[in-house]
N, C-alpha and C. Protein backbone atom coordinates (compact mmCIF):
# COMPACT_ATOMS: atom_id res chain seq x y z
N MET A 1 3.39 -26.03 4.54
CA MET A 1 2.70 -25.21 5.54
C MET A 1 1.39 -25.89 5.94
N THR A 2 1.16 -26.04 7.22
CA THR A 2 -0.07 -26.63 7.71
C THR A 2 -0.99 -25.55 8.23
N VAL A 3 -2.26 -25.75 8.07
CA VAL A 3 -3.25 -24.77 8.53
C VAL A 3 -4.37 -25.50 9.24
N GLU A 4 -5.13 -24.76 10.03
CA GLU A 4 -6.34 -25.30 10.63
C GLU A 4 -7.51 -24.99 9.71
N THR A 5 -8.31 -25.97 9.43
CA THR A 5 -9.44 -25.78 8.54
C THR A 5 -10.73 -25.72 9.34
N THR A 6 -11.82 -25.42 8.66
CA THR A 6 -13.12 -25.38 9.32
C THR A 6 -13.94 -26.64 9.02
N THR A 7 -13.23 -27.70 8.66
CA THR A 7 -13.91 -28.97 8.43
C THR A 7 -14.40 -29.51 9.77
N PRO A 8 -15.40 -30.40 9.77
CA PRO A 8 -15.99 -30.87 11.03
C PRO A 8 -15.01 -31.44 12.02
N ASN A 9 -14.01 -32.19 11.55
CA ASN A 9 -13.09 -32.81 12.50
C ASN A 9 -11.91 -31.92 12.84
N GLN A 10 -11.88 -30.68 12.27
CA GLN A 10 -10.82 -29.72 12.56
C GLN A 10 -9.44 -30.31 12.30
N ALA A 11 -9.31 -31.16 11.30
CA ALA A 11 -8.02 -31.78 11.01
C ALA A 11 -7.11 -30.78 10.32
N SER A 12 -5.82 -30.88 10.61
CA SER A 12 -4.85 -30.02 9.93
C SER A 12 -4.59 -30.58 8.54
N SER A 13 -4.36 -29.67 7.59
CA SER A 13 -4.08 -30.09 6.22
C SER A 13 -3.30 -29.02 5.52
N THR A 14 -2.71 -29.35 4.39
CA THR A 14 -2.02 -28.36 3.58
C THR A 14 -3.04 -27.62 2.76
N PRO A 15 -2.71 -26.43 2.23
CA PRO A 15 -3.64 -25.70 1.38
C PRO A 15 -4.12 -26.53 0.19
N GLU A 16 -3.23 -27.34 -0.36
CA GLU A 16 -3.58 -28.14 -1.53
C GLU A 16 -4.65 -29.18 -1.23
N THR A 17 -4.73 -29.66 0.04
CA THR A 17 -5.67 -30.71 0.36
C THR A 17 -6.83 -30.23 1.23
N SER A 18 -6.78 -29.01 1.70
CA SER A 18 -7.85 -28.49 2.54
C SER A 18 -9.14 -28.35 1.73
N THR A 19 -10.24 -28.74 2.33
CA THR A 19 -11.52 -28.71 1.61
C THR A 19 -12.18 -27.34 1.64
N ASN A 20 -11.67 -26.42 2.47
CA ASN A 20 -12.32 -25.11 2.55
C ASN A 20 -11.46 -24.00 1.97
N LEU A 21 -10.42 -24.38 1.22
CA LEU A 21 -9.55 -23.39 0.59
C LEU A 21 -9.51 -23.59 -0.92
N GLU A 22 -9.25 -22.49 -1.60
CA GLU A 22 -9.05 -22.55 -3.05
C GLU A 22 -7.98 -21.56 -3.45
N LYS A 23 -7.25 -21.90 -4.49
CA LYS A 23 -6.21 -21.02 -5.00
C LYS A 23 -6.79 -20.20 -6.13
N VAL A 24 -6.72 -18.88 -6.02
CA VAL A 24 -7.35 -18.01 -7.01
C VAL A 24 -6.34 -16.98 -7.52
N ARG A 25 -6.58 -16.48 -8.72
CA ARG A 25 -5.80 -15.37 -9.24
C ARG A 25 -6.38 -14.10 -8.63
N LEU A 26 -5.75 -13.58 -7.61
CA LEU A 26 -6.33 -12.50 -6.82
C LEU A 26 -5.96 -11.13 -7.37
N TRP A 27 -4.67 -10.87 -7.52
CA TRP A 27 -4.21 -9.54 -7.93
C TRP A 27 -3.95 -9.52 -9.43
N ASP A 28 -4.58 -8.60 -10.13
CA ASP A 28 -4.43 -8.51 -11.59
C ASP A 28 -3.05 -7.94 -11.95
N PRO A 29 -2.58 -8.19 -13.19
CA PRO A 29 -1.24 -7.73 -13.59
C PRO A 29 -1.04 -6.22 -13.47
N ALA A 30 -2.05 -5.44 -13.82
CA ALA A 30 -1.91 -3.98 -13.75
C ALA A 30 -1.70 -3.52 -12.31
N LEU A 31 -2.42 -4.10 -11.37
CA LEU A 31 -2.28 -3.72 -9.97
C LEU A 31 -0.92 -4.13 -9.43
N ARG A 32 -0.45 -5.31 -9.83
CA ARG A 32 0.86 -5.77 -9.38
C ARG A 32 1.96 -4.87 -9.93
N LEU A 33 1.85 -4.49 -11.19
CA LEU A 33 2.84 -3.60 -11.79
C LEU A 33 2.83 -2.24 -11.10
N PHE A 34 1.63 -1.73 -10.82
CA PHE A 34 1.50 -0.48 -10.08
C PHE A 34 2.22 -0.56 -8.74
N HIS A 35 1.99 -1.65 -8.03
CA HIS A 35 2.55 -1.80 -6.69
C HIS A 35 4.07 -1.72 -6.71
N TRP A 36 4.71 -2.48 -7.60
CA TRP A 36 6.17 -2.52 -7.60
C TRP A 36 6.78 -1.26 -8.17
N LEU A 37 6.12 -0.64 -9.15
CA LEU A 37 6.61 0.64 -9.66
C LEU A 37 6.50 1.72 -8.59
N LEU A 38 5.42 1.67 -7.79
CA LEU A 38 5.26 2.63 -6.71
C LEU A 38 6.35 2.45 -5.66
N VAL A 39 6.67 1.20 -5.34
CA VAL A 39 7.76 0.93 -4.39
C VAL A 39 9.05 1.57 -4.88
N ILE A 40 9.38 1.33 -6.15
CA ILE A 40 10.63 1.86 -6.71
C ILE A 40 10.64 3.38 -6.68
N CYS A 41 9.54 3.99 -7.14
CA CYS A 41 9.49 5.45 -7.25
C CYS A 41 9.49 6.13 -5.89
N VAL A 42 8.75 5.57 -4.92
CA VAL A 42 8.71 6.18 -3.59
C VAL A 42 10.08 6.09 -2.92
N VAL A 43 10.72 4.93 -2.99
CA VAL A 43 12.04 4.76 -2.38
C VAL A 43 13.05 5.70 -3.04
N ALA A 44 13.01 5.77 -4.38
CA ALA A 44 13.95 6.63 -5.10
C ALA A 44 13.71 8.10 -4.78
N ALA A 45 12.43 8.53 -4.80
CA ALA A 45 12.12 9.93 -4.54
C ALA A 45 12.51 10.31 -3.11
N TRP A 46 12.21 9.43 -2.15
CA TRP A 46 12.56 9.72 -0.76
C TRP A 46 14.07 9.79 -0.59
N GLY A 47 14.78 8.83 -1.15
CA GLY A 47 16.24 8.82 -1.03
C GLY A 47 16.89 10.03 -1.66
N LEU A 48 16.41 10.41 -2.83
CA LEU A 48 16.96 11.59 -3.51
C LEU A 48 16.63 12.86 -2.73
N GLY A 49 15.44 12.91 -2.14
CA GLY A 49 15.04 14.07 -1.36
C GLY A 49 15.88 14.25 -0.11
N GLU A 50 16.27 13.12 0.51
CA GLU A 50 17.03 13.19 1.75
C GLU A 50 18.54 13.24 1.53
N PHE A 51 19.02 12.53 0.51
CA PHE A 51 20.47 12.37 0.35
C PHE A 51 20.96 12.71 -1.05
N GLY A 52 20.07 13.18 -1.91
CA GLY A 52 20.45 13.44 -3.29
C GLY A 52 21.18 14.76 -3.48
N PRO A 53 21.49 15.08 -4.72
CA PRO A 53 22.19 16.33 -5.03
C PRO A 53 21.29 17.54 -4.77
N SER A 54 21.92 18.71 -4.71
CA SER A 54 21.17 19.94 -4.41
C SER A 54 20.20 20.30 -5.53
N VAL A 55 20.55 19.98 -6.76
CA VAL A 55 19.64 20.17 -7.89
C VAL A 55 18.85 18.88 -8.04
N MET A 56 17.56 18.91 -7.68
CA MET A 56 16.79 17.69 -7.50
C MET A 56 15.93 17.34 -8.71
N THR A 57 16.55 17.36 -9.87
CA THR A 57 15.81 17.06 -11.09
C THR A 57 15.25 15.64 -11.07
N LEU A 58 16.09 14.68 -10.67
CA LEU A 58 15.64 13.29 -10.62
C LEU A 58 14.54 13.10 -9.57
N HIS A 59 14.64 13.80 -8.47
CA HIS A 59 13.60 13.75 -7.45
C HIS A 59 12.26 14.19 -8.03
N PHE A 60 12.29 15.26 -8.82
CA PHE A 60 11.07 15.74 -9.45
C PHE A 60 10.52 14.70 -10.44
N TYR A 61 11.38 14.08 -11.21
CA TYR A 61 10.92 13.09 -12.20
C TYR A 61 10.24 11.91 -11.52
N PHE A 62 10.84 11.44 -10.43
CA PHE A 62 10.21 10.34 -9.70
C PHE A 62 8.90 10.80 -9.07
N GLY A 63 8.85 12.05 -8.64
CA GLY A 63 7.61 12.60 -8.11
C GLY A 63 6.51 12.64 -9.16
N TYR A 64 6.87 13.04 -10.39
CA TYR A 64 5.89 13.05 -11.47
C TYR A 64 5.40 11.62 -11.77
N ALA A 65 6.34 10.66 -11.70
CA ALA A 65 5.95 9.26 -11.93
C ALA A 65 4.96 8.80 -10.87
N ILE A 66 5.18 9.22 -9.62
CA ILE A 66 4.25 8.87 -8.54
C ILE A 66 2.89 9.49 -8.80
N CYS A 67 2.86 10.70 -9.34
CA CYS A 67 1.59 11.34 -9.71
C CYS A 67 0.80 10.47 -10.67
N VAL A 68 1.48 9.98 -11.70
CA VAL A 68 0.83 9.15 -12.71
C VAL A 68 0.33 7.85 -12.09
N LEU A 69 1.16 7.24 -11.24
CA LEU A 69 0.78 5.98 -10.61
C LEU A 69 -0.42 6.16 -9.69
N LEU A 70 -0.45 7.25 -8.92
CA LEU A 70 -1.58 7.50 -8.03
C LEU A 70 -2.85 7.76 -8.82
N ALA A 71 -2.72 8.47 -9.94
CA ALA A 71 -3.90 8.72 -10.79
C ALA A 71 -4.46 7.39 -11.30
N PHE A 72 -3.54 6.50 -11.72
CA PHE A 72 -3.98 5.17 -12.17
C PHE A 72 -4.71 4.44 -11.05
N ARG A 73 -4.13 4.47 -9.82
CA ARG A 73 -4.74 3.70 -8.72
C ARG A 73 -6.12 4.24 -8.36
N LEU A 74 -6.28 5.55 -8.42
CA LEU A 74 -7.59 6.12 -8.12
C LEU A 74 -8.63 5.69 -9.15
N ILE A 75 -8.23 5.66 -10.41
CA ILE A 75 -9.14 5.20 -11.47
C ILE A 75 -9.41 3.71 -11.31
N TRP A 76 -8.34 2.94 -11.07
CA TRP A 76 -8.47 1.48 -10.94
C TRP A 76 -9.31 1.11 -9.72
N GLY A 77 -9.34 1.99 -8.74
CA GLY A 77 -10.13 1.74 -7.54
C GLY A 77 -11.62 1.78 -7.80
N PHE A 78 -12.02 2.28 -8.97
CA PHE A 78 -13.44 2.34 -9.33
C PHE A 78 -13.80 1.44 -10.51
N VAL A 79 -12.85 1.22 -11.42
CA VAL A 79 -13.17 0.47 -12.65
C VAL A 79 -12.39 -0.83 -12.77
N GLY A 80 -11.46 -1.10 -11.86
CA GLY A 80 -10.64 -2.30 -11.95
C GLY A 80 -11.39 -3.56 -11.52
N PRO A 81 -10.69 -4.70 -11.49
CA PRO A 81 -11.31 -5.93 -11.01
C PRO A 81 -11.84 -5.78 -9.58
N LYS A 82 -12.72 -6.69 -9.18
CA LYS A 82 -13.45 -6.56 -7.92
C LYS A 82 -12.54 -6.31 -6.72
N VAL A 83 -11.49 -7.12 -6.55
CA VAL A 83 -10.66 -6.99 -5.34
C VAL A 83 -9.81 -5.73 -5.37
N ALA A 84 -9.66 -5.10 -6.54
CA ALA A 84 -8.87 -3.88 -6.64
C ALA A 84 -9.71 -2.64 -6.34
N ARG A 85 -11.02 -2.78 -6.33
CA ARG A 85 -11.90 -1.62 -6.13
C ARG A 85 -11.96 -1.22 -4.67
N PHE A 86 -12.04 0.08 -4.44
CA PHE A 86 -12.08 0.58 -3.06
C PHE A 86 -13.28 0.02 -2.30
N SER A 87 -14.39 -0.15 -3.00
CA SER A 87 -15.59 -0.67 -2.36
C SER A 87 -15.40 -2.07 -1.79
N HIS A 88 -14.42 -2.79 -2.30
CA HIS A 88 -14.18 -4.16 -1.85
C HIS A 88 -13.45 -4.21 -0.52
N PHE A 89 -12.70 -3.16 -0.18
CA PHE A 89 -11.97 -3.21 1.09
C PHE A 89 -12.26 -2.01 1.98
N ILE A 90 -13.53 -1.60 1.97
CA ILE A 90 -14.02 -0.65 2.97
C ILE A 90 -14.78 -1.46 4.01
N TYR A 91 -14.25 -1.54 5.22
CA TYR A 91 -14.84 -2.38 6.27
C TYR A 91 -15.37 -1.52 7.41
N GLY A 92 -16.39 -2.03 8.08
CA GLY A 92 -16.94 -1.35 9.24
C GLY A 92 -16.12 -1.63 10.49
N PRO A 93 -16.38 -0.89 11.57
CA PRO A 93 -15.63 -1.08 12.83
C PRO A 93 -15.73 -2.49 13.38
N SER A 94 -16.89 -3.13 13.25
CA SER A 94 -17.04 -4.47 13.81
C SER A 94 -16.15 -5.49 13.11
N THR A 95 -16.02 -5.35 11.79
CA THR A 95 -15.15 -6.26 11.03
C THR A 95 -13.70 -6.06 11.42
N LEU A 96 -13.30 -4.80 11.57
CA LEU A 96 -11.93 -4.49 11.97
C LEU A 96 -11.63 -5.03 13.37
N ILE A 97 -12.54 -4.81 14.31
CA ILE A 97 -12.33 -5.28 15.68
C ILE A 97 -12.25 -6.81 15.72
N SER A 98 -13.13 -7.46 14.95
CA SER A 98 -13.12 -8.92 14.89
C SER A 98 -11.80 -9.44 14.33
N TYR A 99 -11.30 -8.78 13.30
CA TYR A 99 -10.02 -9.21 12.71
C TYR A 99 -8.87 -9.00 13.68
N LEU A 100 -8.86 -7.85 14.35
CA LEU A 100 -7.79 -7.57 15.31
C LEU A 100 -7.81 -8.57 16.46
N GLY A 101 -9.00 -9.08 16.78
CA GLY A 101 -9.10 -10.05 17.87
C GLY A 101 -8.43 -11.37 17.57
N SER A 102 -8.22 -11.66 16.29
CA SER A 102 -7.61 -12.94 15.91
C SER A 102 -6.26 -12.77 15.22
N ILE A 103 -5.73 -11.55 15.24
CA ILE A 103 -4.53 -11.30 14.46
C ILE A 103 -3.31 -12.04 14.99
N PHE A 104 -3.29 -12.36 16.28
CA PHE A 104 -2.11 -13.02 16.84
C PHE A 104 -2.21 -14.55 16.80
N LYS A 105 -3.26 -15.07 16.18
CA LYS A 105 -3.32 -16.51 15.99
C LYS A 105 -2.23 -16.93 15.01
N ARG A 106 -1.56 -18.04 15.31
CA ARG A 106 -0.45 -18.48 14.47
C ARG A 106 -0.97 -19.30 13.29
N GLU A 107 -1.75 -18.64 12.46
CA GLU A 107 -2.29 -19.28 11.27
C GLU A 107 -2.60 -18.20 10.23
N PRO A 108 -2.49 -18.51 8.97
CA PRO A 108 -2.82 -17.52 7.93
C PRO A 108 -4.30 -17.17 7.97
N SER A 109 -4.63 -15.97 7.53
CA SER A 109 -6.03 -15.54 7.52
C SER A 109 -6.73 -15.97 6.23
N TYR A 110 -5.95 -16.20 5.17
CA TYR A 110 -6.52 -16.57 3.86
C TYR A 110 -7.60 -15.59 3.43
N TRP A 111 -7.34 -14.30 3.65
CA TRP A 111 -8.32 -13.27 3.32
C TRP A 111 -8.36 -13.04 1.82
N ARG A 112 -9.55 -12.88 1.30
CA ARG A 112 -9.71 -12.68 -0.15
C ARG A 112 -9.57 -11.19 -0.49
N GLY A 113 -8.33 -10.75 -0.60
CA GLY A 113 -8.07 -9.35 -0.87
C GLY A 113 -7.38 -8.69 0.31
N HIS A 114 -7.52 -7.37 0.43
CA HIS A 114 -6.96 -6.65 1.58
C HIS A 114 -7.74 -7.03 2.84
N ASN A 115 -7.01 -7.47 3.88
CA ASN A 115 -7.69 -7.69 5.15
C ASN A 115 -8.00 -6.32 5.77
N PRO A 116 -8.85 -6.24 6.81
CA PRO A 116 -9.26 -4.95 7.36
C PRO A 116 -8.10 -4.06 7.80
N LEU A 117 -7.06 -4.66 8.39
CA LEU A 117 -5.92 -3.86 8.81
C LEU A 117 -5.11 -3.39 7.60
N GLY A 118 -4.93 -4.28 6.64
CA GLY A 118 -4.23 -3.91 5.42
C GLY A 118 -4.96 -2.84 4.63
N ALA A 119 -6.30 -2.88 4.68
CA ALA A 119 -7.10 -1.87 3.99
C ALA A 119 -6.85 -0.49 4.58
N LEU A 120 -6.80 -0.41 5.91
CA LEU A 120 -6.50 0.87 6.56
C LEU A 120 -5.14 1.38 6.12
N ALA A 121 -4.16 0.49 6.09
CA ALA A 121 -2.82 0.89 5.68
C ALA A 121 -2.80 1.36 4.23
N ALA A 122 -3.55 0.68 3.37
CA ALA A 122 -3.59 1.06 1.95
C ALA A 122 -4.18 2.45 1.77
N PHE A 123 -5.29 2.72 2.45
CA PHE A 123 -5.92 4.04 2.35
C PHE A 123 -5.02 5.12 2.96
N ALA A 124 -4.36 4.79 4.07
CA ALA A 124 -3.47 5.76 4.71
C ALA A 124 -2.31 6.10 3.80
N LEU A 125 -1.72 5.07 3.18
CA LEU A 125 -0.59 5.31 2.29
C LEU A 125 -0.99 6.14 1.08
N LEU A 126 -2.14 5.82 0.49
CA LEU A 126 -2.61 6.60 -0.65
C LEU A 126 -2.83 8.06 -0.26
N GLY A 127 -3.46 8.28 0.89
CA GLY A 127 -3.72 9.64 1.34
C GLY A 127 -2.44 10.42 1.59
N ILE A 128 -1.48 9.77 2.25
CA ILE A 128 -0.21 10.43 2.56
C ILE A 128 0.56 10.74 1.28
N LEU A 129 0.58 9.81 0.33
CA LEU A 129 1.31 10.05 -0.92
C LEU A 129 0.65 11.14 -1.75
N ILE A 130 -0.68 11.19 -1.75
CA ILE A 130 -1.37 12.27 -2.46
C ILE A 130 -1.00 13.62 -1.85
N ALA A 131 -0.99 13.69 -0.51
CA ALA A 131 -0.60 14.93 0.16
C ALA A 131 0.85 15.28 -0.13
N GLN A 132 1.71 14.27 -0.18
CA GLN A 132 3.13 14.51 -0.45
C GLN A 132 3.34 15.05 -1.86
N VAL A 133 2.64 14.46 -2.81
CA VAL A 133 2.75 14.93 -4.20
C VAL A 133 2.21 16.35 -4.33
N ALA A 134 1.07 16.61 -3.71
CA ALA A 134 0.44 17.93 -3.81
C ALA A 134 1.35 19.01 -3.23
N THR A 135 1.93 18.77 -2.05
CA THR A 135 2.81 19.77 -1.44
C THR A 135 4.10 19.93 -2.25
N GLY A 136 4.57 18.83 -2.84
CA GLY A 136 5.77 18.93 -3.66
C GLY A 136 5.56 19.79 -4.91
N LEU A 137 4.39 19.66 -5.51
CA LEU A 137 4.09 20.45 -6.70
C LEU A 137 3.98 21.93 -6.38
N MET A 138 3.59 22.27 -5.15
CA MET A 138 3.40 23.67 -4.76
C MET A 138 4.59 24.26 -4.02
N ALA A 139 5.57 23.44 -3.65
CA ALA A 139 6.63 23.87 -2.74
C ALA A 139 7.58 24.89 -3.36
N ASP A 140 7.99 25.84 -2.54
CA ASP A 140 9.02 26.81 -2.92
C ASP A 140 10.04 26.88 -1.78
N PRO A 141 11.22 26.27 -1.96
CA PRO A 141 12.23 26.24 -0.89
C PRO A 141 13.10 27.51 -0.84
N ASP A 142 12.74 28.52 -1.62
CA ASP A 142 13.50 29.79 -1.63
C ASP A 142 14.93 29.62 -2.13
N ASP A 143 15.15 28.64 -2.98
CA ASP A 143 16.49 28.50 -3.54
C ASP A 143 16.53 28.85 -5.03
N TYR A 144 15.38 29.22 -5.57
CA TYR A 144 15.24 29.63 -6.97
C TYR A 144 15.56 28.51 -7.95
N ILE A 145 15.68 27.29 -7.45
CA ILE A 145 16.04 26.16 -8.33
C ILE A 145 14.98 25.07 -8.23
N ASN A 146 14.80 24.54 -7.03
CA ASN A 146 13.91 23.38 -6.83
C ASN A 146 12.49 23.83 -6.48
N VAL A 147 11.93 24.63 -7.35
CA VAL A 147 10.61 25.19 -7.13
C VAL A 147 9.55 24.33 -7.82
N GLY A 148 8.52 23.97 -7.10
CA GLY A 148 7.45 23.16 -7.67
C GLY A 148 6.76 23.88 -8.83
N PRO A 149 6.28 23.14 -9.81
CA PRO A 149 5.66 23.76 -11.00
C PRO A 149 4.40 24.55 -10.71
N LEU A 150 3.77 24.32 -9.57
CA LEU A 150 2.54 25.04 -9.24
C LEU A 150 2.76 26.12 -8.18
N ALA A 151 4.01 26.32 -7.76
CA ALA A 151 4.30 27.25 -6.68
C ALA A 151 3.84 28.67 -7.02
N SER A 152 4.03 29.08 -8.25
CA SER A 152 3.68 30.45 -8.63
C SER A 152 2.18 30.69 -8.68
N THR A 153 1.40 29.63 -8.68
CA THR A 153 -0.06 29.78 -8.79
C THR A 153 -0.75 29.84 -7.44
N VAL A 154 -0.03 29.53 -6.36
CA VAL A 154 -0.68 29.46 -5.04
C VAL A 154 -0.24 30.58 -4.10
N GLY A 155 0.71 31.39 -4.50
CA GLY A 155 1.18 32.46 -3.64
C GLY A 155 2.37 32.05 -2.80
N TYR A 156 3.16 33.03 -2.40
CA TYR A 156 4.41 32.75 -1.69
C TYR A 156 4.18 32.07 -0.35
N ASP A 157 3.26 32.58 0.45
CA ASP A 157 3.03 32.01 1.78
C ASP A 157 2.62 30.55 1.71
N THR A 158 1.71 30.25 0.79
CA THR A 158 1.26 28.87 0.63
C THR A 158 2.39 27.99 0.13
N ALA A 159 3.21 28.52 -0.78
CA ALA A 159 4.32 27.74 -1.35
C ALA A 159 5.37 27.41 -0.30
N THR A 160 5.67 28.36 0.59
CA THR A 160 6.65 28.07 1.64
C THR A 160 6.06 27.12 2.69
N TRP A 161 4.75 27.27 2.97
CA TRP A 161 4.10 26.32 3.88
C TRP A 161 4.13 24.91 3.28
N ALA A 162 3.87 24.83 1.98
CA ALA A 162 3.87 23.52 1.30
C ALA A 162 5.25 22.89 1.36
N ASN A 163 6.29 23.70 1.27
CA ASN A 163 7.65 23.17 1.35
C ASN A 163 7.92 22.54 2.71
N GLY A 164 7.49 23.24 3.78
CA GLY A 164 7.66 22.68 5.12
C GLY A 164 6.86 21.40 5.31
N MET A 165 5.63 21.38 4.81
CA MET A 165 4.80 20.19 4.93
C MET A 165 5.37 19.03 4.11
N HIS A 166 5.98 19.35 2.98
CA HIS A 166 6.56 18.31 2.13
C HIS A 166 7.65 17.55 2.89
N HIS A 167 8.46 18.29 3.64
CA HIS A 167 9.52 17.65 4.44
C HIS A 167 8.93 16.87 5.61
N LEU A 168 7.87 17.40 6.22
CA LEU A 168 7.23 16.70 7.34
C LEU A 168 6.58 15.41 6.88
N ILE A 169 5.87 15.47 5.77
CA ILE A 169 5.18 14.28 5.26
C ILE A 169 6.18 13.23 4.82
N ALA A 170 7.37 13.65 4.39
CA ALA A 170 8.40 12.68 4.01
C ALA A 170 8.74 11.76 5.17
N THR A 171 8.72 12.32 6.40
CA THR A 171 8.96 11.49 7.58
C THR A 171 7.81 10.50 7.79
N LEU A 172 6.58 10.95 7.56
CA LEU A 172 5.43 10.06 7.69
C LEU A 172 5.49 8.94 6.66
N VAL A 173 5.93 9.27 5.45
CA VAL A 173 6.09 8.24 4.41
C VAL A 173 7.08 7.18 4.88
N LEU A 174 8.21 7.63 5.43
CA LEU A 174 9.22 6.69 5.93
C LEU A 174 8.63 5.80 7.01
N LEU A 175 7.88 6.38 7.94
CA LEU A 175 7.31 5.60 9.04
C LEU A 175 6.30 4.56 8.56
N ILE A 176 5.45 4.95 7.59
CA ILE A 176 4.44 4.00 7.13
C ILE A 176 5.08 2.91 6.27
N VAL A 177 6.16 3.23 5.57
CA VAL A 177 6.88 2.20 4.81
C VAL A 177 7.53 1.20 5.77
N ILE A 178 8.15 1.71 6.84
CA ILE A 178 8.74 0.82 7.83
C ILE A 178 7.68 -0.07 8.47
N ALA A 179 6.51 0.52 8.80
CA ALA A 179 5.42 -0.25 9.38
C ALA A 179 4.94 -1.33 8.41
N HIS A 180 4.91 -0.99 7.12
CA HIS A 180 4.49 -1.94 6.10
C HIS A 180 5.45 -3.13 6.03
N VAL A 181 6.75 -2.85 6.06
CA VAL A 181 7.76 -3.91 6.01
C VAL A 181 7.67 -4.79 7.26
N LEU A 182 7.49 -4.16 8.42
CA LEU A 182 7.38 -4.93 9.66
C LEU A 182 6.13 -5.80 9.65
N ALA A 183 5.03 -5.29 9.07
CA ALA A 183 3.81 -6.09 8.99
C ALA A 183 4.02 -7.31 8.10
N ILE A 184 4.71 -7.12 6.99
CA ILE A 184 5.01 -8.25 6.09
C ILE A 184 5.83 -9.31 6.83
N ALA A 185 6.82 -8.85 7.59
CA ALA A 185 7.66 -9.78 8.36
C ALA A 185 6.83 -10.50 9.42
N PHE A 186 5.94 -9.77 10.09
CA PHE A 186 5.08 -10.37 11.12
C PHE A 186 4.20 -11.47 10.52
N TYR A 187 3.59 -11.19 9.37
CA TYR A 187 2.73 -12.19 8.74
C TYR A 187 3.54 -13.39 8.27
N LYS A 188 4.74 -13.15 7.79
CA LYS A 188 5.57 -14.25 7.31
C LYS A 188 6.06 -15.14 8.46
N VAL A 189 6.56 -14.53 9.53
CA VAL A 189 7.19 -15.28 10.62
C VAL A 189 6.15 -15.82 11.59
N TRP A 190 5.21 -14.97 12.00
CA TRP A 190 4.27 -15.38 13.05
C TRP A 190 3.04 -16.10 12.49
N LYS A 191 2.43 -15.52 11.44
CA LYS A 191 1.20 -16.11 10.92
C LYS A 191 1.44 -17.09 9.77
N ARG A 192 2.71 -17.24 9.37
CA ARG A 192 3.07 -18.17 8.30
C ARG A 192 2.32 -17.86 7.00
N GLU A 193 2.20 -16.57 6.71
CA GLU A 193 1.49 -16.14 5.52
C GLU A 193 2.39 -15.22 4.71
N ASN A 194 2.69 -15.64 3.49
CA ASN A 194 3.57 -14.87 2.60
C ASN A 194 2.74 -13.86 1.82
N LEU A 195 2.90 -12.57 2.13
CA LEU A 195 2.13 -11.53 1.46
C LEU A 195 2.82 -11.03 0.19
N ILE A 196 4.11 -11.33 0.05
CA ILE A 196 4.85 -10.84 -1.12
C ILE A 196 4.58 -11.72 -2.34
N HIS A 197 4.55 -13.03 -2.15
CA HIS A 197 4.39 -13.95 -3.27
C HIS A 197 3.13 -13.67 -4.08
N PRO A 198 1.96 -13.47 -3.47
CA PRO A 198 0.76 -13.16 -4.26
C PRO A 198 0.89 -11.86 -5.05
N MET A 199 1.64 -10.89 -4.52
CA MET A 199 1.80 -9.63 -5.22
C MET A 199 2.78 -9.76 -6.39
N ILE A 200 3.51 -10.87 -6.45
CA ILE A 200 4.39 -11.14 -7.57
C ILE A 200 3.69 -12.00 -8.62
N THR A 201 3.04 -13.08 -8.16
CA THR A 201 2.41 -14.03 -9.09
C THR A 201 0.94 -13.73 -9.34
N GLY A 202 0.29 -13.09 -8.38
CA GLY A 202 -1.15 -12.84 -8.48
C GLY A 202 -1.99 -13.92 -7.82
N TRP A 203 -1.40 -15.08 -7.55
CA TRP A 203 -2.16 -16.21 -7.00
C TRP A 203 -2.07 -16.25 -5.48
N LYS A 204 -3.20 -16.66 -4.85
CA LYS A 204 -3.24 -16.73 -3.39
C LYS A 204 -4.27 -17.77 -2.96
N TRP A 205 -3.96 -18.44 -1.84
CA TRP A 205 -4.92 -19.35 -1.23
C TRP A 205 -5.91 -18.54 -0.40
N VAL A 206 -7.19 -18.76 -0.59
CA VAL A 206 -8.24 -18.02 0.13
C VAL A 206 -9.30 -19.01 0.60
N LYS A 207 -10.12 -18.56 1.53
CA LYS A 207 -11.22 -19.39 2.01
C LYS A 207 -12.35 -19.41 0.97
N LYS A 208 -12.87 -20.59 0.71
CA LYS A 208 -13.97 -20.72 -0.25
C LYS A 208 -15.23 -19.99 0.22
N ASP A 209 -15.45 -19.99 1.52
CA ASP A 209 -16.67 -19.40 2.03
C ASP A 209 -16.51 -17.93 2.37
N SER A 210 -15.36 -17.34 1.96
CA SER A 210 -15.11 -15.94 2.27
C SER A 210 -15.87 -15.04 1.33
N ASN A 211 -16.59 -14.08 1.89
CA ASN A 211 -17.29 -13.08 1.10
C ASN A 211 -16.53 -11.78 1.01
N SER A 212 -15.32 -11.78 1.58
CA SER A 212 -14.52 -10.56 1.61
C SER A 212 -13.87 -10.33 0.25
């Protein structure tokens, strides 16, 4: 893979020979494990919710697993390594606009962590999944079987509202997952940047002068 560097002569070079790039261990093992477990649990819970059996015991179990994973991510967002902390990928409007202005350049961004667009997606996904878990815990579908464990504590009206919202948010989860997959494909094909490999190995090429 060839990239454009910021060296004086603007010569093209590989990441291994570029003078303004370095390979770093970016994503820690705990964050990588969280990511892939969340993928498995979300896909399984969504599939079971849409196409599973009428008695949704497995759907509930995967939902509980998502609860645990989200709790971990919220804690890790404050006490984890630097790039895993929420404070590391909260960007202002000017940074986001600047990034969007160069997003269609056919070159990797070599961003040190979540880029501004990816940060928005990460926060959106966390928010949507938290809402999905909360409504699932409170939901009462009036079937006397698949009742959320907290349904009896919030009242009937709230529990039935939560059930409707749980189904609505499931569609939003599907849409944001599809958008996430399309973004990965866009970065791979157009920008020549593999976003999956760093999330597997933890290693990524980044700009040396990047403060992000």
